[in-house]
Each structure stands twice: as C-alpha cells, then as structure tokens.
C-alpha cells in the first residue's frame, strides 16, 4: 500500500515539532561573533538573524512559544527579542542548526530554488524597510520582518519536501499557463498560501503577515508597502529589463508620492549588491 501524502494538518504538526534550519552563512557568522566577544551584542546578532528568513522564523516562533505572562505584545523586533531573552539563552536554546545547505546536499536543484527564494526575501525586506522609513512608519521593523517572511512556508517546504516541490516547478515549466496554486494543490493537496496562513497564525507571527493574505487589507499602506516590495524583488530578479517593472515603479511612486522615473533611479541606485 503506497504511503499516504501528508495533509496540510500533517505539515503544520511536523513543522511545529521540527528544528527550523538556518543558512550556512548565518551559522558561520554567529560562530564568528561568539569568538569575537568585542563584537557580540544584540545589534550585531540581530543583523545576522534578520538577513536570514529561516533564522528569523526560528527566533520568533521560539519567543512566542516561551512567552512570559507579562508579555502582552507580539514580538516583531528581532533586536528587542534578543535583548529580552539574552544572548546566552539565544545561543543555548537556538543553535544555528540544522544547516539548510546540508539538508539539501543531495538535492542541488532544490537548494538553488531555496536560495533564490531567500535572496528575493532579503531584497523585499530591504525595500520595504527603506520605504517604511520614508513613510515615517513607527513600526518599520514589523514591515521589514513581514517582507522577509512573505514566503517562509515555501522555504520550509524546499528544505523538508524537495521532491514534490521540484515536481511543482517541472509542471509549471512544461505548462506556463498552470497557476502556482493549482500546481501546488495537484501535488501537495493544498496551496502554499494556505500553509503560510496557518503557520503564521499558529506561531503568532507578525499580524502584518496575515494581513497580506487578507483581500480586505489590500489597500492598507503597510500591506501595499510589503506587497510592492515583494513584487519588485520578484520582477527585478528576472532582470532590470523585465516588462513588469514600469508598473512597479508607478505603483511604488503612488505609495511614496514620487514620480515613477525617480523611483526607478532610486531603486537602481539603492538595490543591495548581488541583486
């Protein structure tokens, strides 16, 4: 009798118990900071964590699971979370392992897709944080983290379920008209959005993450910020001549009250190296 395909409920339970992996670069940087005591502080550690969407989820999930009775607000600021738990506790309770690259050692193609998704997330977070500051958003860190985590469920699936994830990609490549959600339901039995939504709610991740999936919230400035940052990161990853970019510049300009050409110049000038 063939093995049953895990359901959405099965994956929610599995991820709830699993050790969330981190990127190799994060593991190396955290080890380096531990050995350079002069540079070890909440700010430098937060810099490493917030460059790694998997490490960020790992930390925020841990903080929510171990939330004290006195903590009334959800934690979305990584530096604040590190100050609250203490660096000694962080390194003891949240070791930088397993390493995603090691998990996918025999799945090089899946690793490539994972790293591409991570790179887009990093760029999305960079854009969204910059625009939040320009808009004088008092909670710019939540905007940054929400952009970073927009596709965290997909990243987890690449790490823990690479074969079916590759099959989804193959089907889409062979049929360009096949929507992602349809391919996901064909192979997994549920959509990535459903997984993202349930994990974000279960782990009490930033409310903005859930708002991104709520059509009723689509007009809110902070939702628009993250959505446009994610779009720009996705389209520009395919090259700066991507035909969707002029519409992105126009929409970003409407958000920031800037001319589209000025947005284009700003984005081209400020995009992080390697993008």
C-alpha atoms as a PDB file:
ATOM      1  CA  UNK A   1       0.000   0.000   0.000  1.00  0.00           C
ATOM      2  CA  UNK A   2       1.586   3.327  -1.010  1.00  0.00           C
ATOM      3  CA  UNK A   3       2.408   5.882   1.642  1.00  0.00           C
ATOM      4  CA  UNK A   4      -0.265   8.487   2.153  1.00  0.00           C
ATOM      5  CA  UNK A   5       0.573  12.018   1.033  1.00  0.00           C
ATOM      6  CA  UNK A   6       0.910  14.253   4.117  1.00  0.00           C
ATOM      7  CA  UNK A   7      -2.019  16.627   4.541  1.00  0.00           C
ATOM      8  CA  UNK A   8      -1.885  20.304   5.428  1.00  0.00           C
ATOM      9  CA  UNK A   9      -2.629  19.356   9.043  1.00  0.00           C
ATOM     10  CA  UNK A  10       0.254  16.856   8.971  1.00  0.00           C
ATOM     11  CA  UNK A  11       2.681  19.537   7.778  1.00  0.00           C
ATOM     12  CA  UNK A  12       1.507  22.043  10.392  1.00  0.00           C
ATOM     13  CA  UNK A  13       2.159  19.448  13.093  1.00  0.00           C
ATOM     14  CA  UNK A  14       5.519  18.434  11.623  1.00  0.00           C
ATOM     15  CA  UNK A  15       6.805  21.988  11.352  1.00  0.00           C
ATOM     16  CA  UNK A  16       5.590  22.682  14.878  1.00  0.00           C
ATOM     17  CA  UNK A  17       7.978  19.987  16.149  1.00  0.00           C
ATOM     18  CA  UNK A  18      10.804  20.387  13.642  1.00  0.00           C
ATOM     19  CA  UNK A  19      14.074  22.173  14.188  1.00  0.00           C
ATOM     20  CA  UNK A  20      13.913  25.006  11.683  1.00  0.00           C
ATOM     21  CA  UNK A  21      17.134  25.113   9.647  1.00  0.00           C
ATOM     22  CA  UNK A  22      19.301  28.155   9.082  1.00  0.00           C
ATOM     23  CA  UNK A  23      21.542  29.237   6.243  1.00  0.00           C
ATOM     24  CA  UNK A  24      25.199  28.222   6.377  1.00  0.00           C
ATOM     25  CA  UNK A  25      26.277  31.858   6.192  1.00  0.00           C
ATOM     26  CA  UNK A  26      24.223  32.624   9.322  1.00  0.00           C
ATOM     27  CA  UNK A  27      25.739  29.698  11.225  1.00  0.00           C
ATOM     28  CA  UNK A  28      29.247  30.836  10.327  1.00  0.00           C
ATOM     29  CA  UNK A  29      28.584  34.482  11.205  1.00  0.00           C
ATOM     30  CA  UNK A  30      27.047  33.618  14.576  1.00  0.00           C
ATOM     31  CA  UNK A  31      30.006  31.358  15.378  1.00  0.00           C
ATOM     32  CA  UNK A  32      32.385  34.159  14.413  1.00  0.00           C
ATOM     33  CA  UNK A  33      30.584  36.657  16.662  1.00  0.00           C
ATOM     34  CA  UNK A  34      30.746  34.245  19.585  1.00  0.00           C
ATOM     35  CA  UNK A  35      34.519  34.100  19.238  1.00  0.00           C
ATOM     36  CA  UNK A  36      34.869  37.868  18.845  1.00  0.00           C
ATOM     37  CA  UNK A  37      33.487  38.961  22.184  1.00  0.00           C
ATOM     38  CA  UNK A  38      34.116  42.609  21.419  1.00  0.00           C
ATOM     39  CA  UNK A  39      31.559  42.462  18.598  1.00  0.00           C
ATOM     40  CA  UNK A  40      28.992  40.281  20.375  1.00  0.00           C
ATOM     41  CA  UNK A  41      25.895  42.306  21.204  1.00  0.00           C
ATOM     42  CA  UNK A  42      22.183  42.297  20.407  1.00  0.00           C
ATOM     43  CA  UNK A  43      22.651  44.640  17.449  1.00  0.00           C
ATOM     44  CA  UNK A  44      25.285  42.552  15.664  1.00  0.00           C
ATOM     45  CA  UNK A  45      23.429  39.280  16.293  1.00  0.00           C
ATOM     46  CA  UNK A  46      20.154  40.856  15.108  1.00  0.00           C
ATOM     47  CA  UNK A  47      21.925  41.880  11.910  1.00  0.00           C
ATOM     48  CA  UNK A  48      22.759  38.242  11.175  1.00  0.00           C
ATOM     49  CA  UNK A  49      19.305  36.958  12.144  1.00  0.00           C
ATOM     50  CA  UNK A  50      17.341  39.466  10.069  1.00  0.00           C
ATOM     51  CA  UNK A  51      19.359  38.598   6.976  1.00  0.00           C
ATOM     52  CA  UNK A  52      18.120  35.002   7.230  1.00  0.00           C
ATOM     53  CA  UNK A  53      14.353  34.456   6.944  1.00  0.00           C
ATOM     54  CA  UNK A  54      14.657  30.924   8.345  1.00  0.00           C
ATOM     55  CA  UNK A  55      16.639  32.072  11.388  1.00  0.00           C
ATOM     56  CA  UNK A  56      14.137  34.888  11.923  1.00  0.00           C
ATOM     57  CA  UNK A  57      11.205  32.447  11.935  1.00  0.00           C
ATOM     58  CA  UNK A  58      13.161  30.154  14.260  1.00  0.00           C
ATOM     59  CA  UNK A  59      13.643  33.000  16.763  1.00  0.00           C
ATOM     60  CA  UNK A  60      10.118  34.435  16.593  1.00  0.00           C
ATOM     61  CA  UNK A  61       8.487  31.003  16.911  1.00  0.00           C
ATOM     62  CA  UNK A  62      10.648  30.269  19.951  1.00  0.00           C
ATOM     63  CA  UNK A  63       9.785  33.602  21.584  1.00  0.00           C
ATOM     64  CA  UNK A  64       6.047  33.052  21.120  1.00  0.00           C
ATOM     65  CA  UNK A  65       6.210  29.500  22.470  1.00  0.00           C
ATOM     66  CA  UNK A  66       8.073  30.718  25.560  1.00  0.00           C
ATOM     67  CA  UNK A  67       6.229  33.982  26.023  1.00  0.00           C
ATOM     68  CA  UNK A  68       6.023  35.121  29.645  1.00  0.00           C
ATOM     69  CA  UNK A  69       2.755  36.093  31.297  1.00  0.00           C
ATOM     70  CA  UNK A  70       3.938  39.713  31.480  1.00  0.00           C
ATOM     71  CA  UNK A  71       4.488  39.946  27.725  1.00  0.00           C
ATOM     72  CA  UNK A  72       1.330  41.481  26.281  1.00  0.00           C
ATOM     73  CA  UNK A  73       2.514  42.424  22.804  1.00  0.00           C
ATOM     74  CA  UNK A  74       3.684  40.199  19.981  1.00  0.00           C
ATOM     75  CA  UNK A  75       7.417  40.491  19.359  1.00  0.00           C
ATOM     76  CA  UNK A  76       8.344  41.562  15.852  1.00  0.00           C
ATOM     77  CA  UNK A  77      11.598  43.420  16.534  1.00  0.00           C
ATOM     78  CA  UNK A  78      14.455  40.907  16.439  1.00  0.00           C
ATOM     79  CA  UNK A  79      16.833  43.090  18.449  1.00  0.00           C
ATOM     80  CA  UNK A  80      14.180  43.566  21.145  1.00  0.00           C
ATOM     81  CA  UNK A  81      13.584  39.811  21.225  1.00  0.00           C
ATOM     82  CA  UNK A  82      17.313  39.170  21.684  1.00  0.00           C
ATOM     83  CA  UNK A  83      17.539  41.737  24.476  1.00  0.00           C
ATOM     84  CA  UNK A  84      14.551  40.148  26.198  1.00  0.00           C
ATOM     85  CA  UNK A  85      15.869  36.580  26.069  1.00  0.00           C
ATOM     86  CA  UNK A  86      19.566  37.408  26.463  1.00  0.00           C
ATOM     87  CA  UNK A  87      22.362  36.334  24.147  1.00  0.00           C
ATOM     88  CA  UNK A  88      23.487  33.455  26.377  1.00  0.00           C
ATOM     89  CA  UNK A  89      19.983  31.975  26.214  1.00  0.00           C
ATOM     90  CA  UNK A  90      19.793  32.612  22.476  1.00  0.00           C
ATOM     91  CA  UNK A  91      22.961  30.650  21.720  1.00  0.00           C
ATOM     92  CA  UNK A  92      21.983  27.880  24.151  1.00  0.00           C
ATOM     93  CA  UNK A  93      18.338  27.401  23.119  1.00  0.00           C
ATOM     94  CA  UNK A  94      18.542  28.316  19.423  1.00  0.00           C
ATOM     95  CA  UNK A  95      21.670  26.694  17.995  1.00  0.00           C
ATOM     96  CA  UNK A  96      22.343  27.557  14.356  1.00  0.00           C
ATOM     97  CA  UNK A  97      21.471  24.091  13.117  1.00  0.00           C
ATOM     98  CA  UNK A  98      20.474  22.154  11.134  1.00  0.00           C
ATOM     99  CA  UNK A  99      22.021  23.913   8.141  1.00  0.00           C
ATOM    100  CA  UNK A 100      19.733  24.166   5.121  1.00  0.00           C
ATOM    101  CA  UNK A 101      22.538  23.565   2.634  1.00  0.00           C
ATOM    102  CA  UNK A 102      23.418  20.296   4.423  1.00  0.00           C
ATOM    103  CA  UNK A 103      19.784  19.148   4.407  1.00  0.00           C
ATOM    104  CA  UNK A 104      19.667  19.631   0.637  1.00  0.00           C
ATOM    105  CA  UNK A 105      23.099  18.218  -0.128  1.00  0.00           C
ATOM    106  CA  UNK A 106      21.535  15.560  -2.389  1.00  0.00           C
ATOM    107  CA  UNK A 107      19.002  17.956  -3.862  1.00  0.00           C
ATOM    108  CA  UNK A 108      21.124  20.616  -5.546  1.00  0.00           C
ATOM    109  CA  UNK A 109      18.294  21.867  -7.757  1.00  0.00           C
ATOM    110  CA  UNK A 110      16.001  22.317  -4.755  1.00  0.00           C
ATOM    111  CA  UNK A 111      18.796  24.152  -2.932  1.00  0.00           C
ATOM    112  CA  UNK A 112      19.124  26.533  -5.868  1.00  0.00           C
ATOM    113  CA  UNK A 113      15.398  27.339  -5.718  1.00  0.00           C
ATOM    114  CA  UNK A 114      15.585  27.778  -1.935  1.00  0.00           C
ATOM    115  CA  UNK A 115      18.482  30.220  -2.181  1.00  0.00           C
ATOM    116  CA  UNK A 116      16.732  32.173  -4.935  1.00  0.00           C
ATOM    117  CA  UNK A 117      13.654  32.485  -2.723  1.00  0.00           C
ATOM    118  CA  UNK A 118      15.819  33.603   0.199  1.00  0.00           C
ATOM    119  CA  UNK A 119      17.543  36.198  -1.959  1.00  0.00           C
ATOM    120  CA  UNK A 120      14.217  37.638  -3.082  1.00  0.00           C
ATOM    121  CA  UNK A 121      13.082  37.757   0.549  1.00  0.00           C
ATOM    122  CA  UNK A 122      16.220  39.648   1.564  1.00  0.00           C
ATOM    123  CA  UNK A 123      15.673  42.202  -1.187  1.00  0.00           C
ATOM    124  CA  UNK A 124      11.978  42.515  -0.346  1.00  0.00           C
ATOM    125  CA  UNK A 125      12.863  43.244   3.280  1.00  0.00           C
ATOM    126  CA  UNK A 126      15.456  45.822   2.241  1.00  0.00           C
ATOM    127  CA  UNK A 127      12.996  47.693   0.024  1.00  0.00           C
ATOM    128  CA  UNK A 128      10.094  47.507   2.480  1.00  0.00           C
ATOM    129  CA  UNK A 129      12.179  48.781   5.410  1.00  0.00           C
ATOM    130  CA  UNK A 130      13.571  51.667   3.372  1.00  0.00           C
ATOM    131  CA  UNK A 131      10.101  52.693   2.220  1.00  0.00           C
ATOM    132  CA  UNK A 132       8.676  52.349   5.741  1.00  0.00           C
ATOM    133  CA  UNK A 133      11.308  54.817   6.967  1.00  0.00           C
ATOM    134  CA  UNK A 134      10.464  57.201   4.131  1.00  0.00           C
ATOM    135  CA  UNK A 135       6.795  56.961   5.148  1.00  0.00           C
ATOM    136  CA  UNK A 136       7.715  57.613   8.817  1.00  0.00           C
ATOM    137  CA  UNK A 137       6.201  54.265   9.829  1.00  0.00           C
ATOM    138  CA  UNK A 138       6.643  53.892  13.586  1.00  0.00           C
ATOM    139  CA  UNK A 139       6.783  50.112  13.222  1.00  0.00           C
ATOM    140  CA  UNK A 140       9.234  49.809  10.346  1.00  0.00           C
ATOM    141  CA  UNK A 141      10.761  46.663  11.880  1.00  0.00           C
ATOM    142  CA  UNK A 142       7.447  44.808  11.549  1.00  0.00           C
ATOM    143  CA  UNK A 143       7.283  45.839   7.891  1.00  0.00           C
ATOM    144  CA  UNK A 144      10.840  44.603   7.359  1.00  0.00           C
ATOM    145  CA  UNK A 145      10.253  41.248   9.078  1.00  0.00           C
ATOM    146  CA  UNK A 146       6.928  40.700   7.302  1.00  0.00           C
ATOM    147  CA  UNK A 147       8.550  41.256   3.904  1.00  0.00           C
ATOM    148  CA  UNK A 148      11.385  38.912   4.869  1.00  0.00           C
ATOM    149  CA  UNK A 149       8.920  36.174   5.870  1.00  0.00           C
ATOM    150  CA  UNK A 150       6.445  36.521   2.992  1.00  0.00           C
ATOM    151  CA  UNK A 151       7.483  33.129   1.564  1.00  0.00           C
ATOM    152  CA  UNK A 152       8.835  31.405   4.685  1.00  0.00           C
ATOM    153  CA  UNK A 153       6.436  28.433   4.307  1.00  0.00           C
ATOM    154  CA  UNK A 154       7.751  27.829   0.789  1.00  0.00           C
ATOM    155  CA  UNK A 155      11.317  27.881   2.138  1.00  0.00           C
ATOM    156  CA  UNK A 156      10.424  25.276   4.747  1.00  0.00           C
ATOM    157  CA  UNK A 157       8.875  23.064   2.084  1.00  0.00           C
ATOM    158  CA  UNK A 158      12.020  23.296  -0.046  1.00  0.00           C
ATOM    159  CA  UNK A 159      14.037  22.112   2.969  1.00  0.00           C
ATOM    160  CA  UNK A 160      11.715  19.326   4.137  1.00  0.00           C
ATOM    161  CA  UNK A 161       9.890  18.281   0.946  1.00  0.00           C
ATOM    162  CA  UNK A 162      12.210  18.963  -2.010  1.00  0.00           C
ATOM    163  CA  UNK A 163      10.998  16.205  -4.365  1.00  0.00           C
ATOM    164  CA  UNK A 164       7.344  17.294  -4.621  1.00  0.00           C
ATOM    165  CA  UNK A 165       8.403  20.960  -4.716  1.00  0.00           C
ATOM    166  CA  UNK A 166      10.576  20.211  -7.753  1.00  0.00           C
ATOM    167  CA  UNK A 167       7.674  18.397  -9.398  1.00  0.00           C
ATOM    168  CA  UNK A 168       5.542  21.524  -8.961  1.00  0.00           C
ATOM    169  CA  UNK A 169       8.249  23.539 -10.741  1.00  0.00           C
ATOM    170  CA  UNK A 170       8.529  20.997 -13.557  1.00  0.00           C
ATOM    171  CA  UNK A 171       4.802  21.046 -14.196  1.00  0.00           C
ATOM    172  CA  UNK A 172       4.776  24.822 -14.353  1.00  0.00           C
ATOM    173  CA  UNK A 173       7.755  24.889 -16.707  1.00  0.00           C
ATOM    174  CA  UNK A 174       6.070  22.414 -19.022  1.00  0.00           C
ATOM    175  CA  UNK A 175       2.770  24.332 -18.874  1.00  0.00           C
ATOM    176  CA  UNK A 176       3.296  28.118 -18.498  1.00  0.00           C
ATOM    177  CA  UNK A 177      -0.477  28.600 -18.123  1.00  0.00           C
ATOM    178  CA  UNK A 178      -0.573  26.441 -14.972  1.00  0.00           C
ATOM    179  CA  UNK A 179      -1.067  28.664 -11.917  1.00  0.00           C
ATOM    180  CA  UNK A 180       1.145  28.065  -8.875  1.00  0.00           C
ATOM    181  CA  UNK A 181      -1.826  27.431  -6.614  1.00  0.00           C
ATOM    182  CA  UNK A 182      -3.218  24.799  -8.992  1.00  0.00           C
ATOM    183  CA  UNK A 183       0.122  23.025  -9.328  1.00  0.00           C
ATOM    184  CA  UNK A 184       0.555  23.041  -5.544  1.00  0.00           C
ATOM    185  CA  UNK A 185      -2.885  21.546  -4.980  1.00  0.00           C
ATOM    186  CA  UNK A 186      -2.246  18.878  -7.611  1.00  0.00           C
ATOM    187  CA  UNK A 187       0.984  17.735  -5.933  1.00  0.00           C
ATOM    188  CA  UNK A 188       0.603  18.671  -2.265  1.00  0.00           C
ATOM    189  CA  UNK A 189      -3.164  18.708  -1.835  1.00  0.00           C
ATOM    190  CA  UNK A 190      -3.125  22.302  -0.566  1.00  0.00           C
ATOM    191  CA  UNK A 191      -1.749  25.677  -1.590  1.00  0.00           C
ATOM    192  CA  UNK A 192       1.354  27.411  -0.301  1.00  0.00           C
ATOM    193  CA  UNK A 193      -0.803  30.330   0.796  1.00  0.00           C
ATOM    194  CA  UNK A 194      -2.902  28.037   2.998  1.00  0.00           C
ATOM    195  CA  UNK A 195       0.248  26.659   4.628  1.00  0.00           C
ATOM    196  CA  UNK A 196       1.711  30.145   5.124  1.00  0.00           C
ATOM    197  CA  UNK A 197      -1.518  31.444   6.642  1.00  0.00           C
ATOM    198  CA  UNK A 198      -1.923  28.597   9.098  1.00  0.00           C
ATOM    199  CA  UNK A 199       1.708  28.602  10.228  1.00  0.00           C
ATOM    200  CA  UNK A 200       1.711  32.390  10.682  1.00  0.00           C
ATOM    201  CA  UNK A 201      -1.430  32.148  12.826  1.00  0.00           C
ATOM    202  CA  UNK A 202      -0.256  29.081  14.760  1.00  0.00           C
ATOM    203  CA  UNK A 203       3.118  30.609  15.599  1.00  0.00           C
ATOM    204  CA  UNK A 204       1.653  34.080  16.193  1.00  0.00           C
ATOM    205  CA  UNK A 205       3.991  35.724  13.727  1.00  0.00           C
ATOM    206  CA  UNK A 206       3.554  39.451  12.903  1.00  0.00           C
ATOM    207  CA  UNK A 207      -0.081  40.387  12.273  1.00  0.00           C
ATOM    208  CA  UNK A 208       1.011  42.142   9.095  1.00  0.00           C
ATOM    209  CA  UNK A 209       1.904  38.720   7.635  1.00  0.00           C
ATOM    210  CA  UNK A 210      -1.719  37.618   7.983  1.00  0.00           C
ATOM    211  CA  UNK A 211      -2.983  40.951   6.666  1.00  0.00           C
ATOM    212  CA  UNK A 212      -1.004  40.333   3.467  1.00  0.00           C
ATOM    213  CA  UNK A 213      -3.237  37.321   2.810  1.00  0.00           C
ATOM    214  CA  UNK A 214      -6.476  39.182   3.557  1.00  0.00           C
ATOM    215  CA  UNK A 215      -8.027  40.840   0.466  1.00  0.00           C
ATOM    216  CA  UNK A 216      -9.865  43.282   2.738  1.00  0.00           C
ATOM    217  CA  UNK A 217      -6.490  44.686   3.864  1.00  0.00           C
ATOM    218  CA  UNK A 218      -5.019  45.122   0.375  1.00  0.00           C
ATOM    219  CA  UNK A 219      -5.409  48.900   0.392  1.00  0.00           C
ATOM    220  CA  UNK A 220      -3.660  49.487   3.721  1.00  0.00           C
ATOM    221  CA  UNK A 221      -0.392  51.416   3.319  1.00  0.00           C
ATOM    222  CA  UNK A 222       1.747  48.867   5.182  1.00  0.00           C
ATOM    223  CA  UNK A 223       0.268  45.965   3.219  1.00  0.00           C
ATOM    224  CA  UNK A 224       0.866  47.888  -0.007  1.00  0.00           C
ATOM    225  CA  UNK A 225       4.450  48.546   1.057  1.00  0.00           C
ATOM    226  CA  UNK A 226       5.254  44.871   1.591  1.00  0.00           C
ATOM    227  CA  UNK A 227       3.315  43.709  -1.466  1.00  0.00           C
ATOM    228  CA  UNK A 228       5.103  46.181  -3.749  1.00  0.00           C
ATOM    229  CA  UNK A 229       8.493  45.304  -2.241  1.00  0.00           C
ATOM    230  CA  UNK A 230       7.849  41.606  -2.883  1.00  0.00           C
ATOM    231  CA  UNK A 231       6.737  42.347  -6.457  1.00  0.00           C
ATOM    232  CA  UNK A 232       9.799  44.476  -7.167  1.00  0.00           C
ATOM    233  CA  UNK A 233      12.152  41.831  -5.779  1.00  0.00           C
ATOM    234  CA  UNK A 234      10.488  39.115  -7.873  1.00  0.00           C
ATOM    235  CA  UNK A 235      10.406  41.069 -11.113  1.00  0.00           C
ATOM    236  CA  UNK A 236      13.908  42.550 -10.828  1.00  0.00           C
ATOM    237  CA  UNK A 237      15.327  39.088 -10.067  1.00  0.00           C
ATOM    238  CA  UNK A 238      14.459  38.264 -13.685  1.00  0.00           C
ATOM    239  CA  UNK A 239      16.458  41.248 -14.925  1.00  0.00           C
ATOM    240  CA  UNK A 240      16.096  45.028 -14.883  1.00  0.00           C
ATOM    241  CA  UNK A 241      14.504  44.898 -18.329  1.00  0.00           C
ATOM    242  CA  UNK A 242      11.535  42.889 -17.010  1.00  0.00           C
ATOM    243  CA  UNK A 243       8.358  44.293 -18.634  1.00  0.00           C
ATOM    244  CA  UNK A 244       6.504  44.330 -15.297  1.00  0.00           C
ATOM    245  CA  UNK A 245       8.909  46.833 -13.720  1.00  0.00           C
ATOM    246  CA  UNK A 246       7.388  50.060 -15.161  1.00  0.00           C
ATOM    247  CA  UNK A 247       4.095  49.194 -13.452  1.00  0.00           C
ATOM    248  CA  UNK A 248       6.010  48.506 -10.231  1.00  0.00           C
ATOM    249  CA  UNK A 249       7.683  51.935 -10.421  1.00  0.00           C
ATOM    250  CA  UNK A 250       4.303  53.580 -10.972  1.00  0.00           C
ATOM    251  CA  UNK A 251       2.697  51.814  -8.018  1.00  0.00           C
ATOM    252  CA  UNK A 252       5.674  52.458  -5.723  1.00  0.00           C
ATOM    253  CA  UNK A 253       5.593  56.093  -6.792  1.00  0.00           C
ATOM    254  CA  UNK A 254       1.936  56.311  -5.763  1.00  0.00           C
ATOM    255  CA  UNK A 255       2.846  54.872  -2.343  1.00  0.00           C
ATOM    256  CA  UNK A 256       5.835  57.164  -1.786  1.00  0.00           C
ATOM    257  CA  UNK A 257       4.395  60.184  -3.639  1.00  0.00           C
ATOM    258  CA  UNK A 258       7.242  60.139  -6.130  1.00  0.00           C
ATOM    259  CA  UNK A 259       7.450  60.205  -9.912  1.00  0.00           C
ATOM    260  CA  UNK A 260       7.963  56.723 -11.439  1.00  0.00           C
ATOM    261  CA  UNK A 261      11.238  57.762 -13.068  1.00  0.00           C
ATOM    262  CA  UNK A 262      12.556  58.939  -9.711  1.00  0.00           C
ATOM    263  CA  UNK A 263      11.509  55.611  -8.175  1.00  0.00           C
ATOM    264  CA  UNK A 264      13.392  53.773 -10.918  1.00  0.00           C
ATOM    265  CA  UNK A 265      16.553  55.795 -10.284  1.00  0.00           C
ATOM    266  CA  UNK A 266      16.246  55.293  -6.527  1.00  0.00           C
ATOM    267  CA  UNK A 267      15.763  51.530  -6.827  1.00  0.00           C
ATOM    268  CA  UNK A 268      18.581  51.064  -9.330  1.00  0.00           C
ATOM    269  CA  UNK A 269      20.940  53.080  -7.124  1.00  0.00           C
ATOM    270  CA  UNK A 270      19.981  51.532  -3.774  1.00  0.00           C
ATOM    271  CA  UNK A 271      19.439  47.849  -4.587  1.00  0.00           C
ATOM    272  CA  UNK A 272      21.803  45.726  -2.452  1.00  0.00           C
ATOM    273  CA  UNK A 273      24.841  44.343  -4.196  1.00  0.00           C
ATOM    274  CA  UNK A 274      24.446  40.849  -5.566  1.00  0.00           C
ATOM    275  CA  UNK A 275      20.882  41.578  -6.674  1.00  0.00           C
END
